[in-house]
Amino acid sequence: QVQLVESGGGLVQPGGSLRLSCVARSRGIWFYPMGWYRQVSGKQRELVARMTTGGTITYEDTLQGRFTISRDLAKNTLYLQMNNLKPEDTATYYCNQDPPQDELWGQGTQVTVSS
């Protein structure tokens, strides 16, 4: 069964950086577009970055220039580099296919941006 495991979150000051990782337990997942999502408590989960199987990348409009999605197929890992973090980036971050599949939601990784 495919499993996605996110890591790399933490507490960071405004302006700081974090790199999130998403390890897939199945190579087959890369046959689908993948995305990073985030959810603030009480709000809907939103897609922040997306990568197609061919490597085409799109970002949520307000995040372009600060966030970078990438992947390492040899390591079965999807990354999200986040720079110049702001308090409004505080959320739980998840990876999943795009569109997301209910059975693939993992525990996520918490990112807290605070001074």
N, C-alpha and C. Protein backbone atom coordinates (compact mmCIF):
# COMPACT_ATOMS: atom_id res chain seq x y z
N GLN A 1 0.86 -1.19 0.00
CA GLN A 1 0.00 0.00 0.00
C GLN A 1 0.89 1.24 0.00
N VAL A 2 0.52 2.20 -0.83
CA VAL A 2 1.32 3.42 -0.90
C VAL A 2 1.18 4.19 0.40
N GLN A 3 2.30 4.73 0.86
CA GLN A 3 2.28 5.54 2.07
C GLN A 3 3.18 6.74 1.84
N LEU A 4 2.73 7.89 2.31
CA LEU A 4 3.51 9.12 2.22
C LEU A 4 3.86 9.58 3.62
N VAL A 5 5.11 9.88 3.84
CA VAL A 5 5.58 10.30 5.16
C VAL A 5 6.27 11.65 5.04
N GLU A 6 5.68 12.64 5.67
CA GLU A 6 6.22 13.99 5.64
C GLU A 6 7.12 14.24 6.86
N SER A 7 8.13 15.08 6.66
CA SER A 7 9.02 15.47 7.76
C SER A 7 9.68 16.79 7.43
N GLY A 8 10.36 17.36 8.41
CA GLY A 8 11.13 18.56 8.18
C GLY A 8 10.53 19.83 8.76
N GLY A 9 9.35 19.73 9.31
CA GLY A 9 8.75 20.91 9.90
C GLY A 9 9.41 21.28 11.21
N GLY A 10 8.95 22.39 11.77
CA GLY A 10 9.50 22.84 13.04
C GLY A 10 9.12 24.26 13.32
N LEU A 11 9.76 24.81 14.34
CA LEU A 11 9.55 26.20 14.73
C LEU A 11 10.68 27.05 14.13
N VAL A 12 10.31 28.09 13.43
CA VAL A 12 11.30 28.95 12.79
C VAL A 12 10.87 30.40 12.94
N GLN A 13 11.85 31.28 13.01
CA GLN A 13 11.53 32.71 13.12
C GLN A 13 11.13 33.26 11.76
N PRO A 14 10.37 34.34 11.75
CA PRO A 14 10.05 34.99 10.47
C PRO A 14 11.33 35.30 9.70
N GLY A 15 11.29 35.02 8.39
CA GLY A 15 12.46 35.20 7.55
C GLY A 15 13.32 33.96 7.43
N GLY A 16 13.04 32.97 8.24
CA GLY A 16 13.82 31.75 8.22
C GLY A 16 13.40 30.81 7.10
N SER A 17 14.07 29.65 7.06
CA SER A 17 13.84 28.66 6.00
C SER A 17 13.66 27.27 6.59
N LEU A 18 12.93 26.47 5.86
CA LEU A 18 12.78 25.05 6.18
C LEU A 18 12.71 24.28 4.88
N ARG A 19 13.15 23.03 4.92
CA ARG A 19 12.96 22.14 3.78
C ARG A 19 12.16 20.93 4.25
N LEU A 20 10.99 20.77 3.65
CA LEU A 20 10.14 19.65 3.96
C LEU A 20 10.43 18.49 3.01
N SER A 21 10.27 17.29 3.52
CA SER A 21 10.47 16.09 2.71
C SER A 21 9.23 15.22 2.77
N CYS A 22 8.97 14.53 1.69
CA CYS A 22 7.86 13.59 1.61
C CYS A 22 8.39 12.33 0.96
N VAL A 23 8.51 11.28 1.75
CA VAL A 23 9.01 10.01 1.23
C VAL A 23 7.83 9.13 0.85
N ALA A 24 7.88 8.61 -0.36
CA ALA A 24 6.83 7.72 -0.83
C ALA A 24 7.30 6.28 -0.70
N ARG A 25 6.43 5.44 -0.18
CA ARG A 25 6.78 4.03 0.01
C ARG A 25 6.53 3.21 -1.23
N SER A 26 6.12 3.88 -2.31
CA SER A 26 5.90 3.17 -3.56
C SER A 26 6.40 4.01 -4.71
N ARG A 27 7.17 3.42 -5.60
CA ARG A 27 7.67 4.16 -6.75
C ARG A 27 6.55 4.55 -7.70
N GLY A 28 5.45 3.80 -7.65
CA GLY A 28 4.36 4.04 -8.60
C GLY A 28 3.69 5.39 -8.44
N ILE A 29 3.90 6.00 -7.30
CA ILE A 29 3.21 7.27 -7.05
C ILE A 29 3.69 8.36 -7.99
N TRP A 30 4.90 8.23 -8.50
CA TRP A 30 5.44 9.26 -9.36
C TRP A 30 4.84 9.25 -10.76
N PHE A 31 3.95 8.32 -11.03
CA PHE A 31 3.23 8.32 -12.29
C PHE A 31 2.07 9.32 -12.26
N TYR A 32 1.92 10.03 -11.17
CA TYR A 32 0.83 10.99 -11.01
C TYR A 32 1.40 12.35 -10.62
N PRO A 33 0.67 13.42 -10.95
CA PRO A 33 1.11 14.72 -10.43
C PRO A 33 1.08 14.70 -8.91
N MET A 34 2.05 15.37 -8.31
CA MET A 34 2.16 15.42 -6.86
C MET A 34 2.10 16.87 -6.40
N GLY A 35 1.65 17.04 -5.17
CA GLY A 35 1.56 18.39 -4.65
C GLY A 35 1.85 18.46 -3.17
N TRP A 36 2.20 19.65 -2.74
CA TRP A 36 2.29 19.98 -1.32
C TRP A 36 1.05 20.79 -0.96
N TYR A 37 0.46 20.44 0.14
CA TYR A 37 -0.74 21.09 0.64
C TYR A 37 -0.46 21.60 2.06
N ARG A 38 -1.25 22.56 2.50
CA ARG A 38 -1.15 22.98 3.88
C ARG A 38 -2.54 23.26 4.42
N GLN A 39 -2.63 23.10 5.72
CA GLN A 39 -3.92 23.32 6.37
C GLN A 39 -3.72 24.02 7.69
N VAL A 40 -4.43 25.12 7.85
CA VAL A 40 -4.49 25.82 9.11
C VAL A 40 -5.72 25.31 9.85
N SER A 41 -5.57 25.12 11.13
CA SER A 41 -6.67 24.59 11.93
C SER A 41 -7.95 25.39 11.69
N GLY A 42 -9.02 24.67 11.36
CA GLY A 42 -10.31 25.31 11.14
C GLY A 42 -10.54 25.79 9.73
N LYS A 43 -9.53 25.62 8.87
CA LYS A 43 -9.66 26.06 7.48
C LYS A 43 -9.47 24.88 6.54
N GLN A 44 -9.84 25.09 5.30
CA GLN A 44 -9.70 24.04 4.30
C GLN A 44 -8.23 23.86 3.91
N ARG A 45 -7.90 22.64 3.55
CA ARG A 45 -6.57 22.36 3.06
C ARG A 45 -6.40 23.02 1.70
N GLU A 46 -5.22 23.61 1.45
CA GLU A 46 -5.00 24.29 0.18
C GLU A 46 -3.73 23.74 -0.48
N LEU A 47 -3.76 23.73 -1.80
CA LEU A 47 -2.60 23.30 -2.57
C LEU A 47 -1.63 24.47 -2.67
N VAL A 48 -0.37 24.25 -2.30
CA VAL A 48 0.60 25.35 -2.35
C VAL A 48 1.60 25.19 -3.49
N ALA A 49 1.87 23.97 -3.90
CA ALA A 49 2.81 23.74 -4.99
C ALA A 49 2.50 22.40 -5.64
N ARG A 50 2.74 22.33 -6.94
CA ARG A 50 2.36 21.15 -7.70
C ARG A 50 3.45 20.84 -8.73
N MET A 51 3.70 19.54 -8.93
CA MET A 51 4.64 19.12 -9.96
C MET A 51 4.02 17.97 -10.75
N THR A 52 4.00 18.11 -12.08
CA THR A 52 3.47 17.05 -12.91
C THR A 52 4.50 15.94 -13.08
N THR A 53 4.08 14.86 -13.69
CA THR A 53 5.02 13.76 -13.92
C THR A 53 6.17 14.21 -14.82
N GLY A 54 5.90 15.15 -15.71
CA GLY A 54 6.93 15.65 -16.60
C GLY A 54 7.79 16.74 -15.99
N GLY A 55 7.46 17.15 -14.76
CA GLY A 55 8.28 18.14 -14.07
C GLY A 55 7.78 19.57 -14.17
N THR A 56 6.61 19.78 -14.76
CA THR A 56 6.06 21.12 -14.80
C THR A 56 5.57 21.52 -13.41
N ILE A 57 5.94 22.73 -13.01
CA ILE A 57 5.68 23.19 -11.64
C ILE A 57 4.77 24.41 -11.64
N THR A 58 3.85 24.41 -10.70
CA THR A 58 3.03 25.59 -10.46
C THR A 58 2.94 25.82 -8.96
N TYR A 59 2.76 27.07 -8.60
CA TYR A 59 2.65 27.48 -7.21
C TYR A 59 1.39 28.30 -6.99
N GLU A 60 0.92 28.27 -5.75
CA GLU A 60 -0.12 29.19 -5.35
C GLU A 60 0.44 30.59 -5.56
N ASP A 61 -0.36 31.47 -6.11
CA ASP A 61 0.14 32.77 -6.60
C ASP A 61 0.98 33.53 -5.59
N THR A 62 0.55 33.55 -4.35
CA THR A 62 1.23 34.40 -3.36
C THR A 62 2.54 33.80 -2.87
N LEU A 63 2.80 32.54 -3.24
CA LEU A 63 3.98 31.86 -2.71
C LEU A 63 5.13 31.80 -3.70
N GLN A 64 4.83 32.10 -4.95
CA GLN A 64 5.89 32.05 -5.96
C GLN A 64 7.06 32.92 -5.55
N GLY A 65 8.25 32.35 -5.65
CA GLY A 65 9.45 33.09 -5.30
C GLY A 65 9.95 32.76 -3.91
N ARG A 66 9.08 32.25 -3.05
CA ARG A 66 9.51 31.88 -1.69
C ARG A 66 9.57 30.36 -1.52
N PHE A 67 8.70 29.65 -2.20
CA PHE A 67 8.63 28.19 -2.07
C PHE A 67 9.14 27.54 -3.35
N THR A 68 9.83 26.42 -3.20
CA THR A 68 10.32 25.67 -4.35
C THR A 68 10.04 24.19 -4.15
N ILE A 69 9.32 23.61 -5.08
CA ILE A 69 9.03 22.17 -5.04
C ILE A 69 10.04 21.45 -5.92
N SER A 70 10.49 20.29 -5.47
CA SER A 70 11.42 19.49 -6.25
C SER A 70 11.24 18.03 -5.88
N ARG A 71 11.89 17.15 -6.61
CA ARG A 71 11.78 15.74 -6.29
C ARG A 71 13.10 15.04 -6.61
N ASP A 72 13.31 13.93 -5.94
CA ASP A 72 14.45 13.07 -6.20
C ASP A 72 13.87 11.67 -6.42
N LEU A 73 13.75 11.28 -7.67
CA LEU A 73 13.11 10.01 -7.97
C LEU A 73 13.92 8.84 -7.43
N ALA A 74 15.23 8.98 -7.39
CA ALA A 74 16.06 7.89 -6.88
C ALA A 74 15.80 7.65 -5.40
N LYS A 75 15.44 8.72 -4.70
CA LYS A 75 15.15 8.61 -3.27
C LYS A 75 13.66 8.54 -2.99
N ASN A 76 12.86 8.52 -4.05
CA ASN A 76 11.40 8.46 -3.88
C ASN A 76 10.90 9.58 -2.98
N THR A 77 11.45 10.77 -3.15
CA THR A 77 11.18 11.87 -2.22
C THR A 77 10.78 13.14 -2.95
N LEU A 78 9.78 13.81 -2.41
CA LEU A 78 9.33 15.11 -2.87
C LEU A 78 9.74 16.12 -1.82
N TYR A 79 10.21 17.28 -2.24
CA TYR A 79 10.69 18.30 -1.31
C TYR A 79 9.90 19.59 -1.48
N LEU A 80 9.90 20.38 -0.42
CA LEU A 80 9.40 21.74 -0.49
C LEU A 80 10.36 22.62 0.28
N GLN A 81 11.12 23.42 -0.45
CA GLN A 81 12.02 24.40 0.16
C GLN A 81 11.23 25.67 0.40
N MET A 82 11.23 26.12 1.63
CA MET A 82 10.46 27.31 1.99
C MET A 82 11.41 28.35 2.56
N ASN A 83 11.47 29.49 1.91
CA ASN A 83 12.36 30.58 2.32
C ASN A 83 11.55 31.80 2.72
N ASN A 84 12.19 32.69 3.47
CA ASN A 84 11.55 33.94 3.90
C ASN A 84 10.17 33.64 4.49
N LEU A 85 10.14 32.72 5.41
CA LEU A 85 8.87 32.29 5.98
C LEU A 85 8.21 33.42 6.76
N LYS A 86 6.89 33.40 6.71
CA LYS A 86 6.08 34.43 7.37
C LYS A 86 5.14 33.75 8.36
N PRO A 87 4.68 34.48 9.36
CA PRO A 87 3.76 33.88 10.34
C PRO A 87 2.53 33.25 9.67
N GLU A 88 2.08 33.82 8.57
CA GLU A 88 0.91 33.25 7.89
C GLU A 88 1.19 31.94 7.17
N ASP A 89 2.46 31.52 7.14
CA ASP A 89 2.80 30.21 6.59
C ASP A 89 2.62 29.11 7.63
N THR A 90 2.34 29.49 8.86
CA THR A 90 2.13 28.50 9.91
C THR A 90 0.96 27.60 9.55
N ALA A 91 1.22 26.30 9.52
CA ALA A 91 0.21 25.33 9.11
C ALA A 91 0.80 23.93 9.24
N THR A 92 -0.05 22.94 9.04
CA THR A 92 0.42 21.57 8.87
C THR A 92 0.53 21.32 7.38
N TYR A 93 1.68 20.82 6.97
CA TYR A 93 1.96 20.62 5.55
C TYR A 93 1.90 19.12 5.22
N TYR A 94 1.28 18.83 4.09
CA TYR A 94 1.09 17.46 3.63
C TYR A 94 1.51 17.34 2.17
N CYS A 95 1.85 16.14 1.77
CA CYS A 95 2.01 15.86 0.34
C CYS A 95 0.93 14.86 -0.06
N ASN A 96 0.59 14.87 -1.32
CA ASN A 96 -0.41 13.96 -1.85
C ASN A 96 -0.37 14.10 -3.36
N GLN A 97 -1.09 13.25 -4.03
CA GLN A 97 -1.27 13.42 -5.46
C GLN A 97 -2.14 14.65 -5.70
N ASP A 98 -2.15 15.10 -6.95
CA ASP A 98 -3.05 16.16 -7.35
C ASP A 98 -3.86 15.68 -8.55
N PRO A 99 -5.18 15.51 -8.41
CA PRO A 99 -5.97 15.77 -7.21
C PRO A 99 -5.65 14.78 -6.09
N PRO A 100 -5.86 15.20 -4.85
CA PRO A 100 -5.48 14.35 -3.72
C PRO A 100 -6.36 13.11 -3.59
N GLN A 101 -5.75 12.07 -3.07
CA GLN A 101 -6.45 10.82 -2.82
C GLN A 101 -6.62 10.67 -1.30
N ASP A 102 -7.83 10.40 -0.87
CA ASP A 102 -8.11 10.35 0.57
C ASP A 102 -7.21 9.36 1.29
N GLU A 103 -6.94 8.22 0.66
CA GLU A 103 -6.18 7.17 1.35
C GLU A 103 -4.69 7.52 1.47
N LEU A 104 -4.25 8.58 0.85
CA LEU A 104 -2.82 8.92 0.88
C LEU A 104 -2.47 10.01 1.90
N TRP A 105 -3.47 10.62 2.53
CA TRP A 105 -3.12 11.65 3.51
C TRP A 105 -2.34 11.03 4.66
N GLY A 106 -1.19 11.64 4.93
CA GLY A 106 -0.37 11.20 6.04
C GLY A 106 -0.60 12.06 7.26
N GLN A 107 0.36 12.01 8.18
CA GLN A 107 0.24 12.79 9.42
C GLN A 107 0.59 14.25 9.19
N GLY A 108 1.30 14.52 8.13
CA GLY A 108 1.72 15.89 7.89
C GLY A 108 2.90 16.27 8.77
N THR A 109 3.42 17.46 8.52
CA THR A 109 4.50 17.99 9.35
C THR A 109 4.16 19.45 9.69
N GLN A 110 4.27 19.78 10.96
CA GLN A 110 3.86 21.10 11.45
C GLN A 110 4.96 22.12 11.22
N VAL A 111 4.57 23.23 10.64
CA VAL A 111 5.46 24.38 10.47
C VAL A 111 4.89 25.53 11.26
N THR A 112 5.69 26.06 12.16
CA THR A 112 5.28 27.20 12.97
C THR A 112 6.28 28.32 12.78
N VAL A 113 5.79 29.46 12.32
CA VAL A 113 6.65 30.62 12.09
C VAL A 113 6.29 31.67 13.13
N SER A 114 7.21 31.89 14.04
CA SER A 114 6.93 32.80 15.15
C SER A 114 8.24 33.30 15.74
N SER A 115 8.19 34.54 16.21
CA SER A 115 9.36 35.10 16.89
C SER A 115 9.24 34.89 18.40
